[in-house]
Amino acid sequence: MAYQMSIPTPIRIYGTEWCTDCHRARAFFEQRRIPYVWIDPDQESEAEQFVLRINQGLRSVPTIVFPDGSILVEPSVADLIAKFEDLGQT
């Protein structure tokens, strides 16, 4: 019998070094020790194309992708808190 191990997909934050909203989102995750992967669309063309596709041609960052497939774009701290309350992880 074969067993399949599920490996959770990490939270992915698409953000840039010059974006203050990106720094705020990153600080939210770091202060709460929530693991994430940082992806800079300025450094990776595939990431840039993903951000443009998700945001209908706009280069809106941060674009945050959660393991459940939901996405927040340019969220406030209140939006992030609400998301984690929805996930039962406050």
PDB file of N, CA and C in Angstrom:
ATOM      1  N   MET A   1       0.855  -1.177   0.000  1.00  0.00           N
ATOM      2  CA  MET A   1       0.000   0.000   0.000  1.00  0.00           C
ATOM      3  C   MET A   1       0.898   1.236   0.000  1.00  0.00           C
ATOM      4  N   ALA A   2       0.594   2.176  -0.874  1.00  0.00           N
ATOM      5  CA  ALA A   2       1.378   3.405  -0.967  1.00  0.00           C
ATOM      6  C   ALA A   2       0.733   4.491  -0.122  1.00  0.00           C
ATOM      7  N   TYR A   3       1.566   5.216   0.559  1.00  0.00           N
ATOM      8  CA  TYR A   3       1.095   6.342   1.359  1.00  0.00           C
ATOM      9  C   TYR A   3       1.592   7.621   0.729  1.00  0.00           C
ATOM     10  N   GLN A   4       0.734   8.602   0.729  1.00  0.00           N
ATOM     11  CA  GLN A   4       1.131   9.894   0.182  1.00  0.00           C
ATOM     12  C   GLN A   4       1.240  10.881   1.329  1.00  0.00           C
ATOM     13  N   MET A   5       2.392  11.468   1.441  1.00  0.00           N
ATOM     14  CA  MET A   5       2.615  12.453   2.491  1.00  0.00           C
ATOM     15  C   MET A   5       2.269  13.824   1.943  1.00  0.00           C
ATOM     16  N   SER A   6       1.424  14.548   2.659  1.00  0.00           N
ATOM     17  CA  SER A   6       1.094  15.893   2.180  1.00  0.00           C
ATOM     18  C   SER A   6       2.057  16.889   2.801  1.00  0.00           C
ATOM     19  N   ILE A   7       2.638  17.681   1.948  1.00  0.00           N
ATOM     20  CA  ILE A   7       3.558  18.720   2.395  1.00  0.00           C
ATOM     21  C   ILE A   7       2.827  20.040   2.249  1.00  0.00           C
ATOM     22  N   PRO A   8       2.620  20.746   3.366  1.00  0.00           N
ATOM     23  CA  PRO A   8       1.872  21.994   3.274  1.00  0.00           C
ATOM     24  C   PRO A   8       2.578  23.027   2.403  1.00  0.00           C
ATOM     25  N   THR A   9       1.802  23.708   1.623  1.00  0.00           N
ATOM     26  CA  THR A   9       2.327  24.776   0.786  1.00  0.00           C
ATOM     27  C   THR A   9       2.536  25.997   1.671  1.00  0.00           C
ATOM     28  N   PRO A  10       3.705  26.589   1.613  1.00  0.00           N
ATOM     29  CA  PRO A  10       3.927  27.774   2.452  1.00  0.00           C
ATOM     30  C   PRO A  10       3.166  28.987   1.913  1.00  0.00           C
ATOM     31  N   ILE A  11       2.954  29.930   2.782  1.00  0.00           N
ATOM     32  CA  ILE A  11       2.402  31.216   2.365  1.00  0.00           C
ATOM     33  C   ILE A  11       3.454  31.876   1.482  1.00  0.00           C
ATOM     34  N   ARG A  12       3.007  32.424   0.368  1.00  0.00           N
ATOM     35  CA  ARG A  12       3.933  33.098  -0.545  1.00  0.00           C
ATOM     36  C   ARG A  12       3.589  34.583  -0.580  1.00  0.00           C
ATOM     37  N   ILE A  13       4.581  35.412  -0.302  1.00  0.00           N
ATOM     38  CA  ILE A  13       4.407  36.854  -0.378  1.00  0.00           C
ATOM     39  C   ILE A  13       5.193  37.351  -1.585  1.00  0.00           C
ATOM     40  N   TYR A  14       4.469  37.896  -2.556  1.00  0.00           N
ATOM     41  CA  TYR A  14       5.090  38.526  -3.718  1.00  0.00           C
ATOM     42  C   TYR A  14       5.221  39.998  -3.370  1.00  0.00           C
ATOM     43  N   GLY A  15       6.453  40.435  -3.185  1.00  0.00           N
ATOM     44  CA  GLY A  15       6.668  41.817  -2.787  1.00  0.00           C
ATOM     45  C   GLY A  15       8.026  42.312  -3.226  1.00  0.00           C
ATOM     46  N   THR A  16       8.194  43.614  -3.150  1.00  0.00           N
ATOM     47  CA  THR A  16       9.442  44.244  -3.566  1.00  0.00           C
ATOM     48  C   THR A  16      10.110  44.931  -2.380  1.00  0.00           C
ATOM     49  N   GLU A  17      11.395  45.190  -2.527  1.00  0.00           N
ATOM     50  CA  GLU A  17      12.147  45.851  -1.458  1.00  0.00           C
ATOM     51  C   GLU A  17      11.771  47.324  -1.309  1.00  0.00           C
ATOM     52  N   TRP A  18      11.274  47.953  -2.365  1.00  0.00           N
ATOM     53  CA  TRP A  18      10.972  49.385  -2.329  1.00  0.00           C
ATOM     54  C   TRP A  18       9.556  49.686  -1.823  1.00  0.00           C
ATOM     55  N   CYS A  19       8.743  48.678  -1.611  1.00  0.00           N
ATOM     56  CA  CYS A  19       7.326  48.852  -1.268  1.00  0.00           C
ATOM     57  C   CYS A  19       7.112  48.857   0.245  1.00  0.00           C
ATOM     58  N   THR A  20       6.607  49.972   0.780  1.00  0.00           N
ATOM     59  CA  THR A  20       6.380  50.058   2.224  1.00  0.00           C
ATOM     60  C   THR A  20       5.262  49.122   2.678  1.00  0.00           C
ATOM     61  N   ASP A  21       4.242  48.915   1.852  1.00  0.00           N
ATOM     62  CA  ASP A  21       3.183  47.961   2.208  1.00  0.00           C
ATOM     63  C   ASP A  21       3.745  46.542   2.309  1.00  0.00           C
ATOM     64  N   CYS A  22       4.704  46.235   1.454  1.00  0.00           N
ATOM     65  CA  CYS A  22       5.354  44.914   1.487  1.00  0.00           C
ATOM     66  C   CYS A  22       6.141  44.745   2.787  1.00  0.00           C
ATOM     67  N   HIS A  23       6.841  45.786   3.195  1.00  0.00           N
ATOM     68  CA  HIS A  23       7.595  45.735   4.450  1.00  0.00           C
ATOM     69  C   HIS A  23       6.651  45.557   5.637  1.00  0.00           C
ATOM     70  N   ARG A  24       5.513  46.230   5.602  1.00  0.00           N
ATOM     71  CA  ARG A  24       4.527  46.106   6.684  1.00  0.00           C
ATOM     72  C   ARG A  24       3.978  44.677   6.751  1.00  0.00           C
ATOM     73  N   ALA A  25       3.655  44.095   5.600  1.00  0.00           N
ATOM     74  CA  ALA A  25       3.142  42.723   5.571  1.00  0.00           C
ATOM     75  C   ALA A  25       4.207  41.750   6.072  1.00  0.00           C
ATOM     76  N   ARG A  26       5.415  41.945   5.602  1.00  0.00           N
ATOM     77  CA  ARG A  26       6.521  41.075   6.017  1.00  0.00           C
ATOM     78  C   ARG A  26       6.737  41.154   7.531  1.00  0.00           C
ATOM     79  N   ALA A  27       6.675  42.348   8.091  1.00  0.00           N
ATOM     80  CA  ALA A  27       6.832  42.528   9.536  1.00  0.00           C
ATOM     81  C   ALA A  27       5.713  41.818  10.295  1.00  0.00           C
ATOM     82  N   PHE A  28       4.486  41.871   9.763  1.00  0.00           N
ATOM     83  CA  PHE A  28       3.350  41.177  10.385  1.00  0.00           C
ATOM     84  C   PHE A  28       3.671  39.687  10.525  1.00  0.00           C
ATOM     85  N   PHE A  29       4.155  39.064   9.462  1.00  0.00           N
ATOM     86  CA  PHE A  29       4.464  37.633   9.489  1.00  0.00           C
ATOM     87  C   PHE A  29       5.643  37.332  10.400  1.00  0.00           C
ATOM     88  N   GLU A  30       6.665  38.160  10.341  1.00  0.00           N
ATOM     89  CA  GLU A  30       7.859  37.913  11.146  1.00  0.00           C
ATOM     90  C   GLU A  30       7.580  38.099  12.636  1.00  0.00           C
ATOM     91  N   GLN A  31       6.825  39.131  13.006  1.00  0.00           N
ATOM     92  CA  GLN A  31       6.512  39.365  14.417  1.00  0.00           C
ATOM     93  C   GLN A  31       5.708  38.223  15.020  1.00  0.00           C
ATOM     94  N   ARG A  32       4.910  37.563  14.203  1.00  0.00           N
ATOM     95  CA  ARG A  32       4.065  36.466  14.679  1.00  0.00           C
ATOM     96  C   ARG A  32       4.684  35.099  14.396  1.00  0.00           C
ATOM     97  N   ARG A  33       5.892  35.124  13.844  1.00  0.00           N
ATOM     98  CA  ARG A  33       6.632  33.902  13.508  1.00  0.00           C
ATOM     99  C   ARG A  33       5.811  32.965  12.617  1.00  0.00           C
ATOM    100  N   ILE A  34       5.151  33.565  11.641  1.00  0.00           N
ATOM    101  CA  ILE A  34       4.386  32.815  10.652  1.00  0.00           C
ATOM    102  C   ILE A  34       5.321  32.570   9.466  1.00  0.00           C
ATOM    103  N   PRO A  35       5.583  31.315   9.136  1.00  0.00           N
ATOM    104  CA  PRO A  35       6.500  31.054   8.025  1.00  0.00           C
ATOM    105  C   PRO A  35       5.906  31.482   6.679  1.00  0.00           C
ATOM    106  N   TYR A  36       6.783  31.969   5.827  1.00  0.00           N
ATOM    107  CA  TYR A  36       6.368  32.405   4.496  1.00  0.00           C
ATOM    108  C   TYR A  36       7.569  32.335   3.568  1.00  0.00           C
ATOM    109  N   VAL A  37       7.280  32.413   2.288  1.00  0.00           N
ATOM    110  CA  VAL A  37       8.326  32.497   1.276  1.00  0.00           C
ATOM    111  C   VAL A  37       8.201  33.869   0.626  1.00  0.00           C
ATOM    112  N   TRP A  38       9.294  34.600   0.562  1.00  0.00           N
ATOM    113  CA  TRP A  38       9.335  35.934  -0.042  1.00  0.00           C
ATOM    114  C   TRP A  38       9.761  35.795  -1.496  1.00  0.00           C
ATOM    115  N   ILE A  39       8.961  36.337  -2.395  1.00  0.00           N
ATOM    116  CA  ILE A  39       9.265  36.269  -3.825  1.00  0.00           C
ATOM    117  C   ILE A  39       9.217  37.682  -4.382  1.00  0.00           C
ATOM    118  N   ASP A  40      10.315  38.134  -4.955  1.00  0.00           N
ATOM    119  CA  ASP A  40      10.417  39.501  -5.445  1.00  0.00           C
ATOM    120  C   ASP A  40      10.198  39.535  -6.962  1.00  0.00           C
ATOM    121  N   PRO A  41       9.074  40.114  -7.409  1.00  0.00           N
ATOM    122  CA  PRO A  41       8.816  40.212  -8.845  1.00  0.00           C
ATOM    123  C   PRO A  41       9.856  41.042  -9.598  1.00  0.00           C
ATOM    124  N   ASP A  42      10.601  41.892  -8.899  1.00  0.00           N
ATOM    125  CA  ASP A  42      11.676  42.650  -9.545  1.00  0.00           C
ATOM    126  C   ASP A  42      12.849  41.735  -9.904  1.00  0.00           C
ATOM    127  N   GLN A  43      12.952  40.604  -9.222  1.00  0.00           N
ATOM    128  CA  GLN A  43      14.079  39.696  -9.413  1.00  0.00           C
ATOM    129  C   GLN A  43      13.731  38.449 -10.234  1.00  0.00           C
ATOM    130  N   GLU A  44      12.435  38.124 -10.312  1.00  0.00           N
ATOM    131  CA  GLU A  44      12.023  36.897 -10.994  1.00  0.00           C
ATOM    132  C   GLU A  44      10.912  37.200 -11.995  1.00  0.00           C
ATOM    133  N   SER A  45      11.168  36.989 -13.266  1.00  0.00           N
ATOM    134  CA  SER A  45      10.179  37.323 -14.298  1.00  0.00           C
ATOM    135  C   SER A  45       8.921  36.474 -14.180  1.00  0.00           C
ATOM    136  N   GLU A  46       9.046  35.203 -13.773  1.00  0.00           N
ATOM    137  CA  GLU A  46       7.852  34.371 -13.578  1.00  0.00           C
ATOM    138  C   GLU A  46       6.975  34.935 -12.476  1.00  0.00           C
ATOM    139  N   ALA A  47       7.593  35.436 -11.430  1.00  0.00           N
ATOM    140  CA  ALA A  47       6.837  36.043 -10.329  1.00  0.00           C
ATOM    141  C   ALA A  47       6.129  37.304 -10.805  1.00  0.00           C
ATOM    142  N   GLU A  48       6.818  38.101 -11.607  1.00  0.00           N
ATOM    143  CA  GLU A  48       6.195  39.308 -12.145  1.00  0.00           C
ATOM    144  C   GLU A  48       4.979  38.954 -13.004  1.00  0.00           C
ATOM    145  N   GLN A  49       5.103  37.945 -13.845  1.00  0.00           N
ATOM    146  CA  GLN A  49       3.997  37.516 -14.692  1.00  0.00           C
ATOM    147  C   GLN A  49       2.823  37.003 -13.853  1.00  0.00           C
ATOM    148  N   PHE A  50       3.128  36.288 -12.771  1.00  0.00           N
ATOM    149  CA  PHE A  50       2.080  35.800 -11.868  1.00  0.00           C
ATOM    150  C   PHE A  50       1.321  36.970 -11.254  1.00  0.00           C
ATOM    151  N   VAL A  51       2.051  37.945 -10.726  1.00  0.00           N
ATOM    152  CA  VAL A  51       1.417  39.119 -10.101  1.00  0.00           C
ATOM    153  C   VAL A  51       0.555  39.861 -11.116  1.00  0.00           C
ATOM    154  N   LEU A  52       1.060  40.054 -12.317  1.00  0.00           N
ATOM    155  CA  LEU A  52       0.286  40.740 -13.363  1.00  0.00           C
ATOM    156  C   LEU A  52      -0.982  39.958 -13.714  1.00  0.00           C
ATOM    157  N   ARG A  53      -0.875  38.643 -13.798  1.00  0.00           N
ATOM    158  CA  ARG A  53      -2.036  37.821 -14.139  1.00  0.00           C
ATOM    159  C   ARG A  53      -3.092  37.862 -13.030  1.00  0.00           C
ATOM    160  N   ILE A  54      -2.666  37.708 -11.803  1.00  0.00           N
ATOM    161  CA  ILE A  54      -3.596  37.708 -10.662  1.00  0.00           C
ATOM    162  C   ILE A  54      -4.297  39.056 -10.521  1.00  0.00           C
ATOM    163  N   ASN A  55      -3.593  40.135 -10.825  1.00  0.00           N
ATOM    164  CA  ASN A  55      -4.104  41.489 -10.596  1.00  0.00           C
ATOM    165  C   ASN A  55      -4.548  42.189 -11.880  1.00  0.00           C
ATOM    166  N   GLN A  56      -4.987  41.408 -12.854  1.00  0.00           N
ATOM    167  CA  GLN A  56      -5.522  41.930 -14.110  1.00  0.00           C
ATOM    168  C   GLN A  56      -4.617  42.990 -14.751  1.00  0.00           C
ATOM    169  N   GLY A  57      -3.335  42.660 -14.845  1.00  0.00           N
ATOM    170  CA  GLY A  57      -2.388  43.541 -15.508  1.00  0.00           C
ATOM    171  C   GLY A  57      -1.731  44.576 -14.619  1.00  0.00           C
ATOM    172  N   LEU A  58      -2.145  44.656 -13.373  1.00  0.00           N
ATOM    173  CA  LEU A  58      -1.534  45.600 -12.438  1.00  0.00           C
ATOM    174  C   LEU A  58      -0.423  44.910 -11.661  1.00  0.00           C
ATOM    175  N   ARG A  59       0.586  45.659 -11.361  1.00  0.00           N
ATOM    176  CA  ARG A  59       1.731  45.124 -10.611  1.00  0.00           C
ATOM    177  C   ARG A  59       1.543  45.451  -9.128  1.00  0.00           C
ATOM    178  N   SER A  60       0.435  44.973  -8.576  1.00  0.00           N
ATOM    179  CA  SER A  60       0.068  45.283  -7.194  1.00  0.00           C
ATOM    180  C   SER A  60       0.783  44.346  -6.228  1.00  0.00           C
ATOM    181  N   VAL A  61       1.522  44.958  -5.312  1.00  0.00           N
ATOM    182  CA  VAL A  61       2.221  44.206  -4.276  1.00  0.00           C
ATOM    183  C   VAL A  61       1.999  44.894  -2.933  1.00  0.00           C
ATOM    184  N   PRO A  62       1.974  44.147  -1.853  1.00  0.00           N
ATOM    185  CA  PRO A  62       2.170  42.714  -1.811  1.00  0.00           C
ATOM    186  C   PRO A  62       0.933  41.958  -2.303  1.00  0.00           C
ATOM    187  N   THR A  63       1.199  40.863  -2.975  1.00  0.00           N
ATOM    188  CA  THR A  63       0.177  39.886  -3.325  1.00  0.00           C
ATOM    189  C   THR A  63       0.534  38.654  -2.508  1.00  0.00           C
ATOM    190  N   ILE A  64      -0.377  38.246  -1.633  1.00  0.00           N
ATOM    191  CA  ILE A  64      -0.093  37.161  -0.697  1.00  0.00           C
ATOM    192  C   ILE A  64      -0.994  35.977  -1.027  1.00  0.00           C
ATOM    193  N   VAL A  65      -0.369  34.826  -1.258  1.00  0.00           N
ATOM    194  CA  VAL A  65      -1.086  33.607  -1.615  1.00  0.00           C
ATOM    195  C   VAL A  65      -1.013  32.645  -0.428  1.00  0.00           C
ATOM    196  N   PHE A  66      -2.182  32.204   0.036  1.00  0.00           N
ATOM    197  CA  PHE A  66      -2.277  31.316   1.187  1.00  0.00           C
ATOM    198  C   PHE A  66      -2.418  29.865   0.741  1.00  0.00           C
ATOM    199  N   PRO A  67      -2.070  28.925   1.615  1.00  0.00           N
ATOM    200  CA  PRO A  67      -2.150  27.506   1.257  1.00  0.00           C
ATOM    201  C   PRO A  67      -3.538  27.046   0.797  1.00  0.00           C
ATOM    202  N   ASP A  68      -4.588  27.723   1.244  1.00  0.00           N
ATOM    203  CA  ASP A  68      -5.944  27.336   0.831  1.00  0.00           C
ATOM    204  C   ASP A  68      -6.312  27.885  -0.548  1.00  0.00           C
ATOM    205  N   GLY A  69      -5.364  28.603  -1.177  1.00  0.00           N
ATOM    206  CA  GLY A  69      -5.591  29.152  -2.507  1.00  0.00           C
ATOM    207  C   GLY A  69      -6.124  30.572  -2.508  1.00  0.00           C
ATOM    208  N   SER A  70      -6.486  31.086  -1.337  1.00  0.00           N
ATOM    209  CA  SER A  70      -6.981  32.462  -1.271  1.00  0.00           C
ATOM    210  C   SER A  70      -5.824  33.435  -1.432  1.00  0.00           C
ATOM    211  N   ILE A  71      -6.169  34.638  -1.863  1.00  0.00           N
ATOM    212  CA  ILE A  71      -5.163  35.659  -2.163  1.00  0.00           C
ATOM    213  C   ILE A  71      -5.609  36.990  -1.575  1.00  0.00           C
ATOM    214  N   LEU A  72      -4.683  37.675  -0.939  1.00  0.00           N
ATOM    215  CA  LEU A  72      -4.910  39.049  -0.497  1.00  0.00           C
ATOM    216  C   LEU A  72      -3.943  39.944  -1.253  1.00  0.00           C
ATOM    217  N   VAL A  73      -4.458  41.066  -1.731  1.00  0.00           N
ATOM    218  CA  VAL A  73      -3.636  42.025  -2.467  1.00  0.00           C
ATOM    219  C   VAL A  73      -3.632  43.336  -1.702  1.00  0.00           C
ATOM    220  N   GLU A  74      -2.424  43.825  -1.428  1.00  0.00           N
ATOM    221  CA  GLU A  74      -2.232  45.065  -0.681  1.00  0.00           C
ATOM    222  C   GLU A  74      -3.077  45.098   0.601  1.00  0.00           C
ATOM    223  N   PRO A  75      -3.010  44.028   1.410  1.00  0.00           N
ATOM    224  CA  PRO A  75      -3.841  43.996   2.614  1.00  0.00           C
ATOM    225  C   PRO A  75      -3.321  44.928   3.701  1.00  0.00           C
ATOM    226  N   SER A  76      -4.250  45.429   4.487  1.00  0.00           N
ATOM    227  CA  SER A  76      -3.887  46.176   5.688  1.00  0.00           C
ATOM    228  C   SER A  76      -3.576  45.162   6.789  1.00  0.00           C
ATOM    229  N   VAL A  77      -3.042  45.630   7.899  1.00  0.00           N
ATOM    230  CA  VAL A  77      -2.799  44.741   9.033  1.00  0.00           C
ATOM    231  C   VAL A  77      -4.134  44.169   9.506  1.00  0.00           C
ATOM    232  N   ALA A  78      -5.187  44.976   9.507  1.00  0.00           N
ATOM    233  CA  ALA A  78      -6.514  44.481   9.902  1.00  0.00           C
ATOM    234  C   ALA A  78      -6.978  43.355   8.978  1.00  0.00           C
ATOM    235  N   ASP A  79      -6.705  43.480   7.680  1.00  0.00           N
ATOM    236  CA  ASP A  79      -7.055  42.417   6.732  1.00  0.00           C
ATOM    237  C   ASP A  79      -6.300  41.128   7.060  1.00  0.00           C
ATOM    238  N   LEU A  80      -5.027  41.251   7.389  1.00  0.00           N
ATOM    239  CA  LEU A  80      -4.224  40.078   7.717  1.00  0.00           C
ATOM    240  C   LEU A  80      -4.706  39.423   9.012  1.00  0.00           C
ATOM    241  N   ILE A  81      -5.017  40.237  10.006  1.00  0.00           N
ATOM    242  CA  ILE A  81      -5.542  39.699  11.265  1.00  0.00           C
ATOM    243  C   ILE A  81      -6.847  38.951  11.003  1.00  0.00           C
ATOM    244  N   ALA A  82      -7.733  39.545  10.215  1.00  0.00           N
ATOM    245  CA  ALA A  82      -9.012  38.906   9.896  1.00  0.00           C
ATOM    246  C   ALA A  82      -8.796  37.586   9.164  1.00  0.00           C
ATOM    247  N   LYS A  83      -7.832  37.542   8.256  1.00  0.00           N
ATOM    248  CA  LYS A  83      -7.547  36.311   7.514  1.00  0.00           C
ATOM    249  C   LYS A  83      -7.123  35.202   8.464  1.00  0.00           C
ATOM    250  N   PHE A  84      -6.242  35.513   9.396  1.00  0.00           N
ATOM    251  CA  PHE A  84      -5.771  34.489  10.322  1.00  0.00           C
ATOM    252  C   PHE A  84      -6.836  34.108  11.346  1.00  0.00           C
ATOM    253  N   GLU A  85      -7.747  35.033  11.652  1.00  0.00           N
ATOM    254  CA  GLU A  85      -8.889  34.669  12.491  1.00  0.00           C
ATOM    255  C   GLU A  85      -9.783  33.677  11.747  1.00  0.00           C
ATOM    256  N   ASP A  86      -9.988  33.917  10.450  1.00  0.00           N
ATOM    257  CA  ASP A  86     -10.772  32.998   9.615  1.00  0.00           C
ATOM    258  C   ASP A  86     -10.133  31.613   9.571  1.00  0.00           C
ATOM    259  N   LEU A  87      -8.801  31.583   9.570  1.00  0.00           N
ATOM    260  CA  LEU A  87      -8.081  30.314   9.537  1.00  0.00           C
ATOM    261  C   LEU A  87      -7.985  29.674  10.920  1.00  0.00           C
ATOM    262  N   GLY A  88      -8.474  30.401  11.946  1.00  0.00           N
ATOM    263  CA  GLY A  88      -8.397  29.891  13.304  1.00  0.00           C
ATOM    264  C   GLY A  88      -7.006  29.974  13.899  1.00  0.00           C
ATOM    265  N   GLN A  89      -6.214  30.937  13.433  1.00  0.00           N
ATOM    266  CA  GLN A  89      -4.830  31.077  13.873  1.00  0.00           C
ATOM    267  C   GLN A  89      -4.539  32.494  14.327  1.00  0.00           C
ATOM    268  N   THR A  90      -5.203  32.957  15.348  1.00  0.00           N
ATOM    269  CA  THR A  90      -4.954  34.310  15.823  1.00  0.00           C
ATOM    270  C   THR A  90      -3.851  34.364  16.839  1.00  0.00           C
TER     271      THR A  90
END
